[in-house]
Amino acid sequence: MAKDKIRRPRAETPKGFRDYFGAEVTARAAMLRRIAEVYHAYGFDALETSGVETVEALGKFLPDVDRPNEGVFAWQEDVEGAKPGDWLALRYDLTAPLARVYAQHRNDLPTPYRRYAMGPVWRNEKPGPGRFRQFYQCDADTVGAPSVAADAEICAMLADTLEAVGISRGDYIVRVNNRKVLNGVMEVAGVLDPSEPEKFAAERGIVLRAIDKLDRLGTDGVRALLGEGRKDDSGDFTKGAGLGAEQAEVVMGFMEARRDTAEATLARLRELVGGSAMGAEGVDELETIAALLDAQGMGPDRVVIDPSVVRGLGYYTGPVFEAELTFEILDEKGRPRQFGSVAGGGRYDDLVKRFTGQAVPATGVSIGVDRLLAALAAKGRSEAEAQGPVVVTVMDRDRMADYQAMASELRAAGIRAEVYLGNPKNFGNQMKYADRRGSPVAVIEGGDEKDRGVVQIKDLILGAQIAKDATLEEWKDRPSQIEVPRAELVARVRAMIEGQSS
C-alpha cells in the first residue's frame, strides 16, 4: 500500500508582504531614531499602542453581516460561542488608535497632548509594485490645541525632520492648503450650503473625489468630473458632479490659485471665496500659518502656501499639508520623474468626537518611512551597508574559551564581534562566512600564535581590494594581514577598522 505523500508548507511570504534583512532593518532603525530626536526636541512624547484595535474603535470600517468591510485585517472573537465576541482588527493607521487613547485617558493626559508614535500598520488592500499590506508609519500629533499655531509647528517640524534624515534643502517642499478655503469655494460655486449641511451632499462628495484625482487625471480630467462626467481609456464612464461651466471654473481656480508669493496666493484665494465666511476664515488661517513660519525662518524654499494640495481634503477639517520630494529619479522604464509625496497630514477636529460626543481639536502628520528610505536610496544618500561583525576564527576546537574571550574583549570595547560557530575543519569556509557577513576584520590564533602570545589580524576589506585591483607597491605598503601581540588585539583591530573608513 503506497504511503500518503506528505505535503510540505511552501516557504514564501504572503502576498503583499515582504521580509527585511540586516542592512534594511538597521537603516530603518537609524531613520526612526533621527525622526524621534526631532519630535522629542519639539516637546512631543512617545506613545506605543497595541497593533490590534476593536473595529468599533477604528470606526472607518464597520462589521457587516459576516465580517468587517474590506480594508482591514479583521476577525471576530469566540465566533463559535453562544455569544460571539467583539470584532478586532489590525490597526490601519496610527491616528485612529490615538483618538481612542485620548478619549480613554483624557482625564490623565495634559491638554494639549503632544505625542509621536512609530510602528507598522496593516491595510487589506490589493498589493502592487512598491505597495505592501504592511508598512511603517511615523506620526506626530497635537490633540486639544485649536490654534493654527499647532499646524504651523507641525509644518516646521516636518521640514526639520526631512533635513535630519538626509534630505537636503532644495530637494523637498512642504505645501500647505486649507479645507475651509475649499468649502468657501464650493459655497461660491453653489455646491455647499452652510445653513443646510446635508444639502448638495452627493455633489460635494463627487467634487472632493474629483479634485483628489488631480495628480492622476490632470486638470482636464478633473474638469470633466466636475461637469457631466468622464470616460476613461477603457470606455468606462464615471458620472460627474453636474456643475455648470462657471461653477467648475470656480473650483478649478481654487486648485490653480498659487502665485509667486504667499501674499499673492492669499490675495487670489480671497477673491475666490467671495463673501463666504467659512472661506475667509480659512484664508485667515493660512495667512497666520505663513506669518508664524516666516517668524521661524521657514522661507518659501521650505514651506509654501499651495492650494493644489488636495489629498485628504475629504477627511481633514482645516489646514492640510504635504511634504513632496522635488528631485528627479528614473522610473522602471528609465524615464525621469519626480519622487513625489513622502508625508502628509492636517487638522482633524472631529475624530475624537466619535468617542466623547464633544469636538476636540487635533492636528498631525504622518511620514512614510519606507518611502523616505526608498527616496534616499534613489538619490544615492542611503547609509552605507551595515558593517558586519569582526569574526574570531576557530583554529582549535579545544580552545573555544580563548576565542570567546577575544570576542568578549572586542564587544566590551564597543566593537561588534562574534566567534565562528560553524564546522571549523575547513578554514576557507570560515573566510567565506566572514565575507558573506560583510566582516571588516578576521582574527586568527592557531597553536603557534598561542605559544608565542600573538594573533593574526586580517583586513578583509583591504584583502578584497588587493585581490581586485591593488598594485604590488600598494600591497607592500599596507599588507592585508598583520601579526600583533595578543595584548594589543583590541587597539589594533580598532585601528584597522578606522583605517578602512578613512
Protein backbone atom coordinates (compact mmCIF):
# COMPACT_ATOMS: atom_id res chain seq x y z
CA MET A 1 0.00 0.00 0.00
CA ALA A 2 1.50 3.34 -1.07
CA LYS A 3 2.22 5.82 1.66
CA ASP A 4 0.35 9.11 1.57
CA LYS A 5 2.56 11.86 0.17
CA ILE A 6 3.43 14.44 2.80
CA ARG A 7 2.58 17.97 1.66
CA ARG A 8 5.13 20.37 3.00
CA PRO A 9 4.28 24.05 3.56
CA ARG A 10 5.50 26.48 0.91
CA ALA A 11 8.35 28.67 2.12
CA GLU A 12 7.08 32.01 0.81
CA THR A 13 5.85 35.30 2.21
CA PRO A 14 2.13 36.04 1.95
CA LYS A 15 1.10 38.19 -1.00
CA GLY A 16 1.63 41.86 -0.27
CA PHE A 17 4.16 41.29 2.50
CA ARG A 18 7.95 41.08 2.50
CA ASP A 19 10.92 40.24 4.70
CA TYR A 20 13.56 42.79 5.71
CA PHE A 21 17.16 41.78 6.34
CA GLY A 22 20.07 43.23 8.32
CA ALA A 23 21.04 46.39 6.46
CA GLU A 24 17.42 47.32 5.71
CA VAL A 25 16.36 46.90 9.32
CA THR A 26 19.39 48.85 10.52
CA ALA A 27 18.72 51.71 8.08
CA ARG A 28 15.09 51.96 9.16
CA ALA A 29 16.02 51.91 12.85
CA ALA A 30 18.55 54.69 12.26
CA MET A 31 15.95 56.78 10.42
CA LEU A 32 13.33 56.26 13.13
CA ARG A 33 15.89 57.31 15.73
CA ARG A 34 16.63 60.57 13.90
CA ILE A 35 12.96 61.32 13.41
CA ALA A 36 12.28 60.63 17.10
CA GLU A 37 15.08 63.01 18.07
CA VAL A 38 13.42 65.86 16.15
CA TYR A 39 9.97 65.07 17.55
CA HIS A 40 11.41 64.86 21.05
CA ALA A 41 13.22 68.19 20.61
CA TYR A 42 9.86 69.78 19.74
CA GLY A 43 8.40 68.54 23.03
CA PHE A 44 6.42 65.52 21.81
CA ASP A 45 6.21 62.39 23.99
CA ALA A 46 6.37 58.83 22.70
CA LEU A 47 3.28 56.62 22.69
CA GLU A 48 3.07 52.95 21.78
CA THR A 49 -0.36 51.42 21.27
CA SER A 50 -1.48 47.88 20.55
CA GLY A 51 -1.31 46.64 16.98
CA VAL A 52 -4.90 45.41 17.45
CA GLU A 53 -7.96 47.61 17.99
CA THR A 54 -11.66 46.88 18.10
CA VAL A 55 -13.28 47.53 14.74
CA GLU A 56 -15.72 49.83 16.53
CA ALA A 57 -12.80 51.96 17.79
CA LEU A 58 -11.21 52.09 14.35
CA GLY A 59 -14.51 53.50 13.17
CA LYS A 60 -13.78 53.75 9.49
CA PHE A 61 -14.63 50.11 8.83
CA LEU A 62 -17.70 48.63 10.49
CA PRO A 63 -18.80 44.97 10.55
CA ASP A 64 -21.48 43.81 8.16
CA VAL A 65 -23.33 40.53 8.48
CA ASP A 66 -20.29 38.27 8.16
CA ARG A 67 -17.13 40.34 8.50
CA PRO A 68 -15.92 43.96 8.53
CA ASN A 69 -15.71 45.84 5.27
CA GLU A 70 -12.64 45.40 3.12
CA GLY A 71 -9.64 47.48 4.03
CA VAL A 72 -8.61 45.93 7.34
CA PHE A 73 -7.49 42.51 8.52
CA ALA A 74 -10.27 41.63 10.97
CA TRP A 75 -11.68 38.67 12.89
CA GLN A 76 -14.37 38.04 15.48
CA GLU A 77 -13.60 36.64 18.91
CA ASP A 78 -15.40 33.48 20.10
CA VAL A 79 -17.25 33.27 16.81
CA GLU A 80 -18.36 29.70 17.60
CA GLY A 81 -19.51 30.55 21.11
CA ALA A 82 -23.04 31.10 22.32
CA LYS A 83 -22.36 34.83 22.41
CA PRO A 84 -19.78 35.86 19.75
CA GLY A 85 -17.33 38.50 20.92
CA ASP A 86 -16.02 41.76 19.50
CA TRP A 87 -14.72 42.27 16.01
CA LEU A 88 -10.98 43.03 16.21
CA ALA A 89 -8.64 44.32 13.51
CA LEU A 90 -5.01 45.15 12.91
CA ARG A 91 -4.63 48.92 13.02
CA TYR A 92 -4.65 50.54 9.56
CA ASP A 93 -3.01 53.76 10.76
CA LEU A 94 -1.71 55.38 13.97
CA THR A 95 -4.28 58.17 14.18
CA ALA A 96 -7.38 56.10 15.00
CA PRO A 97 -5.60 54.50 17.99
CA LEU A 98 -4.59 57.98 19.17
CA ALA A 99 -8.24 59.10 19.16
CA ARG A 100 -9.17 56.07 21.25
CA VAL A 101 -6.27 56.63 23.67
CA TYR A 102 -7.12 60.29 24.17
CA ALA A 103 -10.80 59.55 24.75
CA GLN A 104 -9.94 56.73 27.16
CA HIS A 105 -7.27 58.55 29.18
CA ARG A 106 -8.18 62.21 28.67
CA ASN A 107 -8.52 62.89 32.40
CA ASP A 108 -4.94 61.75 32.97
CA LEU A 109 -3.30 63.43 29.97
CA PRO A 110 -2.12 67.04 29.68
CA THR A 111 -4.01 69.37 27.39
CA PRO A 112 -2.80 69.87 24.73
CA TYR A 113 -1.48 66.31 24.45
CA ARG A 114 1.55 66.07 22.15
CA ARG A 115 2.56 62.57 21.14
CA TYR A 116 4.55 60.74 18.48
CA ALA A 117 4.21 57.10 17.51
CA MET A 118 6.12 54.79 15.20
CA GLY A 119 5.33 51.30 14.03
CA PRO A 120 3.81 49.01 11.42
CA VAL A 121 0.25 49.35 10.13
CA TRP A 122 -1.75 46.93 8.01
CA ARG A 123 -4.07 47.51 5.05
CA ASN A 124 -6.11 44.73 3.46
CA GLU A 125 -5.75 46.23 0.00
CA LYS A 126 -4.67 44.91 -3.36
CA PRO A 127 -0.86 44.87 -3.38
CA GLY A 128 1.21 46.14 -6.28
CA PRO A 129 4.75 47.26 -7.15
CA GLY A 130 6.04 49.14 -4.12
CA ARG A 131 2.64 48.83 -2.43
CA PHE A 132 2.59 46.49 0.54
CA ARG A 133 -0.05 45.43 3.02
CA GLN A 134 2.25 46.09 5.96
CA PHE A 135 4.37 49.22 6.20
CA TYR A 136 5.79 51.62 8.75
CA GLN A 137 4.33 54.97 9.71
CA CYS A 138 5.83 57.66 11.88
CA ASP A 139 3.26 60.13 13.28
CA ALA A 140 3.27 63.23 15.45
CA ASP A 141 0.02 64.85 16.62
CA THR A 142 -1.19 67.59 18.93
CA VAL A 143 -4.61 66.99 20.48
CA GLY A 144 -6.51 69.76 22.23
CA ALA A 145 -4.93 72.84 20.58
CA PRO A 146 -7.44 74.85 18.49
CA SER A 147 -4.91 77.45 17.34
CA VAL A 148 -3.36 77.05 13.89
CA ALA A 149 -0.06 77.72 15.64
CA ALA A 150 -0.14 73.95 16.22
CA ASP A 151 -0.45 73.38 12.46
CA ALA A 152 2.39 75.78 11.73
CA GLU A 153 4.56 73.96 14.28
CA ILE A 154 3.85 70.61 12.62
CA CYS A 155 4.90 72.05 9.24
CA ALA A 156 8.14 73.43 10.66
CA MET A 157 8.87 70.16 12.44
CA LEU A 158 8.24 68.23 9.23
CA ALA A 159 10.76 70.36 7.34
CA ASP A 160 13.35 69.93 10.11
CA THR A 161 12.72 66.17 10.14
CA LEU A 162 13.33 65.77 6.42
CA GLU A 163 16.66 67.54 6.72
CA ALA A 164 17.59 65.49 9.79
CA VAL A 165 17.21 62.22 7.85
CA GLY A 166 19.32 63.45 4.94
CA ILE A 167 17.01 65.28 2.51
CA SER A 168 18.84 68.45 1.54
CA ARG A 169 17.14 71.82 1.45
CA GLY A 170 16.02 72.38 -2.12
CA ASP A 171 15.17 68.69 -2.58
CA TYR A 172 11.86 68.93 -0.72
CA ILE A 173 8.97 71.30 -0.16
CA VAL A 174 6.20 71.30 2.45
CA ARG A 175 2.99 72.53 0.85
CA VAL A 176 0.04 73.87 2.87
CA ASN A 177 -3.65 74.23 1.98
CA ASN A 178 -6.91 74.56 3.95
CA ARG A 179 -10.18 72.63 3.69
CA LYS A 180 -12.13 75.68 4.86
CA VAL A 181 -10.97 77.61 1.80
CA LEU A 182 -12.26 74.81 -0.42
CA ASN A 183 -15.54 74.82 1.46
CA GLY A 184 -15.80 78.54 0.77
CA VAL A 185 -15.08 77.98 -2.91
CA MET A 186 -17.75 75.25 -3.05
CA GLU A 187 -20.17 77.61 -1.34
CA VAL A 188 -19.49 80.22 -4.04
CA ALA A 189 -19.87 77.51 -6.68
CA GLY A 190 -23.24 76.51 -5.27
CA VAL A 191 -22.43 73.00 -4.06
CA LEU A 192 -22.31 73.73 -0.33
CA ASP A 193 -24.90 75.49 1.84
CA PRO A 194 -23.59 76.31 5.37
CA SER A 195 -27.15 76.64 6.68
CA GLU A 196 -28.12 73.20 5.39
CA PRO A 197 -25.03 70.92 5.72
CA GLU A 198 -26.79 67.92 4.15
CA LYS A 199 -27.85 69.81 1.06
CA PHE A 200 -25.79 69.05 -2.05
CA ALA A 201 -24.01 66.28 -0.08
CA ALA A 202 -23.80 63.96 -3.09
CA GLU A 203 -22.45 66.65 -5.39
CA ARG A 204 -19.98 67.82 -2.76
CA GLY A 205 -18.68 64.27 -2.35
CA ILE A 206 -18.14 63.98 -6.10
CA VAL A 207 -16.32 67.30 -6.16
CA LEU A 208 -13.99 66.18 -3.36
CA ARG A 209 -13.27 62.87 -5.07
CA ALA A 210 -12.68 64.64 -8.38
CA ILE A 211 -10.13 67.14 -7.11
CA ASP A 212 -8.41 64.36 -5.15
CA LYS A 213 -7.54 62.84 -8.56
CA LEU A 214 -5.72 65.91 -9.85
CA ASP A 215 -2.29 64.22 -9.82
CA ARG A 216 -3.58 61.22 -11.77
CA LEU A 217 -6.07 62.78 -14.20
CA GLY A 218 -4.72 66.32 -14.64
CA THR A 219 -6.84 69.45 -14.93
CA ASP A 220 -8.83 68.25 -17.95
CA GLY A 221 -9.81 65.02 -16.23
CA VAL A 222 -10.87 66.83 -13.05
CA ARG A 223 -12.81 69.42 -15.06
CA ALA A 224 -14.72 66.60 -16.78
CA LEU A 225 -15.60 65.01 -13.42
CA LEU A 226 -16.80 68.35 -12.11
CA GLY A 227 -19.14 68.53 -15.10
CA GLU A 228 -21.16 65.72 -16.66
CA GLY A 229 -18.54 63.04 -16.20
CA ARG A 230 -15.52 61.36 -17.73
CA LYS A 231 -14.94 58.35 -19.96
CA ASP A 232 -11.58 56.66 -19.39
CA ASP A 233 -9.37 54.89 -21.92
CA SER A 234 -11.21 51.61 -21.40
CA GLY A 235 -14.54 53.21 -22.25
CA ASP A 236 -15.91 53.17 -18.68
CA PHE A 237 -17.90 56.28 -17.81
CA THR A 238 -17.75 57.97 -14.39
CA LYS A 239 -20.67 60.25 -13.61
CA GLY A 240 -19.61 63.77 -12.66
CA ALA A 241 -20.84 66.34 -10.14
CA GLY A 242 -23.00 68.05 -12.75
CA LEU A 243 -21.58 71.53 -12.20
CA GLY A 244 -22.07 74.17 -14.83
CA ALA A 245 -19.07 75.54 -16.69
CA GLU A 246 -18.85 78.65 -14.48
CA GLN A 247 -19.19 76.61 -11.30
CA ALA A 248 -16.47 74.20 -12.43
CA GLU A 249 -14.14 77.07 -13.23
CA VAL A 250 -14.55 78.44 -9.70
CA VAL A 251 -13.40 75.10 -8.28
CA MET A 252 -10.59 74.80 -10.84
CA GLY A 253 -9.49 78.32 -9.99
CA PHE A 254 -9.01 77.22 -6.39
CA MET A 255 -6.58 74.47 -7.40
CA GLU A 256 -4.70 76.81 -9.73
CA ALA A 257 -4.53 79.77 -7.33
CA ARG A 258 -0.87 79.53 -6.36
CA ARG A 259 1.15 82.62 -7.26
CA ASP A 260 4.82 83.56 -6.92
CA THR A 261 4.49 84.75 -3.31
CA ALA A 262 2.37 83.76 -0.33
CA GLU A 263 0.84 87.22 -0.27
CA ALA A 264 -0.26 86.98 -3.89
CA THR A 265 -1.63 83.45 -3.38
CA LEU A 266 -3.65 84.52 -0.35
CA ALA A 267 -4.99 87.54 -2.22
CA ARG A 268 -6.17 85.29 -5.06
CA LEU A 269 -7.86 82.93 -2.60
CA ARG A 270 -9.73 85.87 -1.02
CA GLU A 271 -11.07 86.68 -4.45
CA LEU A 272 -12.24 83.11 -4.98
CA VAL A 273 -14.06 82.69 -1.65
CA GLY A 274 -16.01 85.90 -2.22
CA GLY A 275 -18.48 86.52 0.59
CA SER A 276 -18.13 83.07 2.19
CA ALA A 277 -17.43 83.48 5.92
CA MET A 278 -16.01 79.95 6.12
CA GLY A 279 -13.73 80.57 3.15
CA ALA A 280 -12.49 83.85 4.61
CA GLU A 281 -11.73 82.07 7.89
CA GLY A 282 -9.67 79.51 6.01
CA VAL A 283 -7.67 82.22 4.22
CA ASP A 284 -7.09 83.97 7.57
CA GLU A 285 -5.74 80.69 8.97
CA LEU A 286 -3.36 80.26 6.05
CA GLU A 287 -2.21 83.84 6.50
CA THR A 288 -1.47 83.16 10.20
CA ILE A 289 0.41 79.97 9.37
CA ALA A 290 2.50 81.80 6.77
CA ALA A 291 3.38 84.54 9.29
CA LEU A 292 4.31 82.04 12.02
CA LEU A 293 6.50 80.03 9.67
CA ASP A 294 8.20 83.17 8.41
CA ALA A 295 8.98 84.16 12.03
CA GLN A 296 10.76 80.79 12.45
CA GLY A 297 12.86 81.31 9.34
CA MET A 298 10.80 78.84 7.30
CA GLY A 299 11.00 80.57 3.94
CA PRO A 300 9.44 79.51 0.62
CA ASP A 301 12.41 77.24 -0.04
CA ARG A 302 10.99 75.01 2.71
CA VAL A 303 7.25 75.68 3.17
CA VAL A 304 4.76 77.26 0.74
CA ILE A 305 1.04 78.02 0.63
CA ASP A 306 -0.24 75.90 -2.25
CA PRO A 307 -3.97 75.35 -3.00
CA SER A 308 -3.11 72.47 -5.33
CA VAL A 309 -2.60 70.24 -2.27
CA VAL A 310 -5.81 68.24 -2.49
CA ARG A 311 -5.10 64.88 -0.86
CA GLY A 312 -7.15 64.29 2.26
CA LEU A 313 -9.43 67.28 1.81
CA GLY A 314 -12.40 64.98 2.30
CA TYR A 315 -11.01 63.90 5.69
CA TYR A 316 -9.36 66.97 7.17
CA THR A 317 -11.34 69.90 8.59
CA GLY A 318 -8.84 72.77 8.34
CA PRO A 319 -5.17 73.14 7.32
CA VAL A 320 -3.76 70.34 5.18
CA PHE A 321 -0.07 69.78 4.47
CA GLU A 322 2.05 67.51 2.33
CA ALA A 323 5.82 67.02 2.03
CA GLU A 324 6.97 66.40 -1.52
CA LEU A 325 10.45 65.48 -2.71
CA THR A 326 11.29 67.59 -5.73
CA PHE A 327 14.32 65.82 -7.17
CA GLU A 328 14.06 63.58 -10.22
CA ILE A 329 14.58 59.84 -10.34
CA LEU A 330 14.27 57.33 -13.17
CA ASP A 331 11.23 55.05 -13.25
CA GLU A 332 11.31 51.37 -14.21
CA LYS A 333 11.37 52.36 -17.90
CA GLY A 334 14.24 54.81 -17.47
CA ARG A 335 12.03 57.91 -17.73
CA PRO A 336 12.71 60.86 -15.41
CA ARG A 337 10.01 61.68 -12.87
CA GLN A 338 9.77 63.40 -9.52
CA PHE A 339 9.74 61.14 -6.47
CA GLY A 340 6.62 62.74 -5.02
CA SER A 341 4.99 62.78 -1.61
CA VAL A 342 6.59 61.19 1.46
CA ALA A 343 4.47 62.70 4.26
CA GLY A 344 1.08 64.28 4.79
CA GLY A 345 -1.24 65.48 7.48
CA GLY A 346 -3.66 68.13 8.60
CA ARG A 347 -6.30 69.15 11.11
CA TYR A 348 -8.99 66.62 12.01
CA ASP A 349 -11.16 68.18 14.70
CA ASP A 350 -13.95 65.57 14.50
CA LEU A 351 -12.11 62.30 15.15
CA VAL A 352 -12.22 62.19 18.97
CA LYS A 353 -15.83 63.36 18.91
CA ARG A 354 -16.87 59.85 17.89
CA PHE A 355 -15.97 58.67 21.41
CA THR A 356 -16.82 61.65 23.61
CA GLY A 357 -19.58 63.47 21.75
CA GLN A 358 -17.52 66.65 22.09
CA ALA A 359 -15.37 68.17 19.37
CA VAL A 360 -11.67 68.03 20.24
CA PRO A 361 -9.23 69.97 18.05
CA ALA A 362 -6.34 67.91 16.71
CA THR A 363 -3.67 68.18 14.06
CA GLY A 364 -0.84 65.93 13.00
CA VAL A 365 1.42 64.49 10.33
CA SER A 366 2.35 61.00 9.15
CA ILE A 367 5.68 60.21 7.49
CA GLY A 368 6.01 57.22 5.18
CA VAL A 369 9.29 55.79 6.46
CA ASP A 370 9.64 53.17 3.73
CA ARG A 371 9.12 55.80 1.02
CA LEU A 372 11.71 58.04 2.66
CA LEU A 373 14.22 55.19 2.71
CA ALA A 374 13.48 54.48 -0.96
CA ALA A 375 13.96 58.17 -1.75
CA LEU A 376 17.35 58.31 -0.07
CA ALA A 377 18.41 55.17 -1.92
CA ALA A 378 17.25 56.64 -5.24
CA LYS A 379 19.19 59.81 -4.51
CA GLY A 380 22.29 57.83 -3.53
CA ARG A 381 22.14 59.13 0.01
CA SER A 382 21.28 55.94 1.85
CA GLU A 383 23.67 54.94 4.56
CA ALA A 384 26.44 52.54 3.67
CA GLU A 385 25.50 48.91 4.08
CA ALA A 386 25.70 47.92 7.71
CA GLN A 387 29.16 46.61 8.56
CA GLY A 388 29.31 43.03 9.71
CA PRO A 389 30.97 41.86 12.92
CA VAL A 390 34.63 41.04 13.44
CA VAL A 391 34.89 37.26 13.09
CA VAL A 392 37.14 35.42 15.51
CA THR A 393 38.09 32.23 13.67
CA VAL A 394 38.40 28.85 15.33
CA MET A 395 41.68 27.02 14.71
CA ASP A 396 41.42 24.60 17.64
CA ARG A 397 38.05 23.33 18.91
CA ASP A 398 39.52 22.75 22.38
CA ARG A 399 40.34 26.45 22.82
CA MET A 400 36.83 27.81 22.28
CA ALA A 401 37.07 29.63 25.63
CA ASP A 402 40.09 31.58 24.34
CA TYR A 403 38.18 32.66 21.23
CA GLN A 404 35.09 33.64 23.21
CA ALA A 405 37.33 35.73 25.50
CA MET A 406 38.67 37.63 22.44
CA ALA A 407 35.17 38.34 21.17
CA SER A 408 34.09 39.46 24.64
CA GLU A 409 37.01 41.91 24.89
CA LEU A 410 36.16 43.38 21.49
CA ARG A 411 32.48 43.78 22.40
CA ALA A 412 33.37 45.39 25.73
CA ALA A 413 35.32 47.98 23.72
CA GLY A 414 32.28 48.71 21.56
CA ILE A 415 33.39 46.62 18.58
CA ARG A 416 30.84 44.24 17.09
CA ALA A 417 32.30 40.72 17.20
CA GLU A 418 31.41 37.04 17.08
CA VAL A 419 33.15 33.65 17.21
CA TYR A 420 32.70 31.36 14.20
CA LEU A 421 30.30 28.64 15.37
CA GLY A 422 30.12 26.51 12.24
CA ASN A 423 32.29 23.50 11.45
CA PRO A 424 35.88 24.85 11.85
CA LYS A 425 37.51 22.00 9.95
CA ASN A 426 37.80 23.96 6.68
CA PHE A 427 39.41 27.37 7.30
CA GLY A 428 38.40 28.54 3.82
CA ASN A 429 34.75 28.14 4.79
CA GLN A 430 35.35 30.41 7.77
CA MET A 431 36.67 33.11 5.45
CA LYS A 432 33.71 32.64 3.10
CA TYR A 433 31.41 33.06 6.08
CA ALA A 434 33.15 36.28 7.12
CA ASP A 435 32.82 37.57 3.56
CA ARG A 436 29.09 36.83 3.46
CA ARG A 437 28.67 38.60 6.80
CA GLY A 438 30.40 41.72 5.47
CA SER A 439 33.02 41.41 8.20
CA PRO A 440 35.75 44.08 8.21
CA VAL A 441 38.32 42.00 10.09
CA ALA A 442 39.08 38.37 10.94
CA VAL A 443 41.11 37.34 13.99
CA ILE A 444 43.25 34.21 13.71
CA GLU A 445 45.06 32.42 16.53
CA GLY A 446 46.41 28.91 15.93
CA GLY A 447 48.54 26.83 18.30
CA ASP A 448 51.75 28.51 17.15
CA GLU A 449 50.35 32.02 17.69
CA LYS A 450 49.07 30.97 21.11
CA ASP A 451 52.51 29.72 22.18
CA ARG A 452 54.15 32.96 21.02
CA GLY A 453 51.50 35.23 22.58
CA VAL A 454 50.41 36.80 19.29
CA VAL A 455 47.37 36.88 17.00
CA GLN A 456 46.92 37.42 13.27
CA ILE A 457 44.56 40.22 12.22
CA LYS A 458 43.31 40.04 8.64
CA ASP A 459 41.93 43.16 6.94
CA LEU A 460 39.11 41.66 4.88
CA ILE A 461 38.18 44.94 3.19
CA LEU A 462 41.72 45.62 2.02
CA GLY A 463 42.18 41.97 1.15
CA ALA A 464 39.23 42.16 -1.23
CA GLN A 465 40.60 45.36 -2.79
CA ILE A 466 44.07 43.82 -3.24
CA ALA A 467 42.58 40.75 -4.85
CA LYS A 468 40.67 43.00 -7.20
CA ASP A 469 42.94 45.82 -8.33
CA ALA A 470 45.73 46.81 -5.92
CA THR A 471 49.29 47.20 -7.21
CA LEU A 472 52.28 45.35 -5.74
CA GLU A 473 53.55 48.60 -4.21
CA GLU A 474 50.18 49.21 -2.51
CA TRP A 475 50.18 45.65 -1.20
CA LYS A 476 53.68 46.05 0.27
CA ASP A 477 52.83 49.45 1.76
CA ARG A 478 49.78 48.15 3.58
CA PRO A 479 49.61 44.36 3.98
CA SER A 480 46.15 42.90 4.44
CA GLN A 481 47.24 40.66 7.36
CA ILE A 482 49.42 41.58 10.31
CA GLU A 483 50.73 39.83 13.42
CA VAL A 484 50.35 41.69 16.72
CA PRO A 485 50.84 40.89 20.42
CA ARG A 486 47.75 39.33 21.97
CA ALA A 487 47.55 42.18 24.49
CA GLU A 488 47.16 44.69 21.63
CA LEU A 489 44.23 42.86 19.98
CA VAL A 490 41.53 45.42 20.71
CA ALA A 491 43.63 48.50 19.88
CA ARG A 492 44.95 47.08 16.62
CA VAL A 493 41.50 45.84 15.47
CA ARG A 494 40.03 49.27 16.17
CA ALA A 495 42.84 50.99 14.27
CA MET A 496 42.36 48.67 11.30
CA ILE A 497 38.60 49.33 11.15
CA GLU A 498 39.13 53.09 11.45
CA GLY A 499 41.70 52.91 8.67
CA GLN A 500 39.15 51.22 6.39
CA SER A 501 36.80 54.18 6.65
CA SER A 502 39.44 56.87 6.20
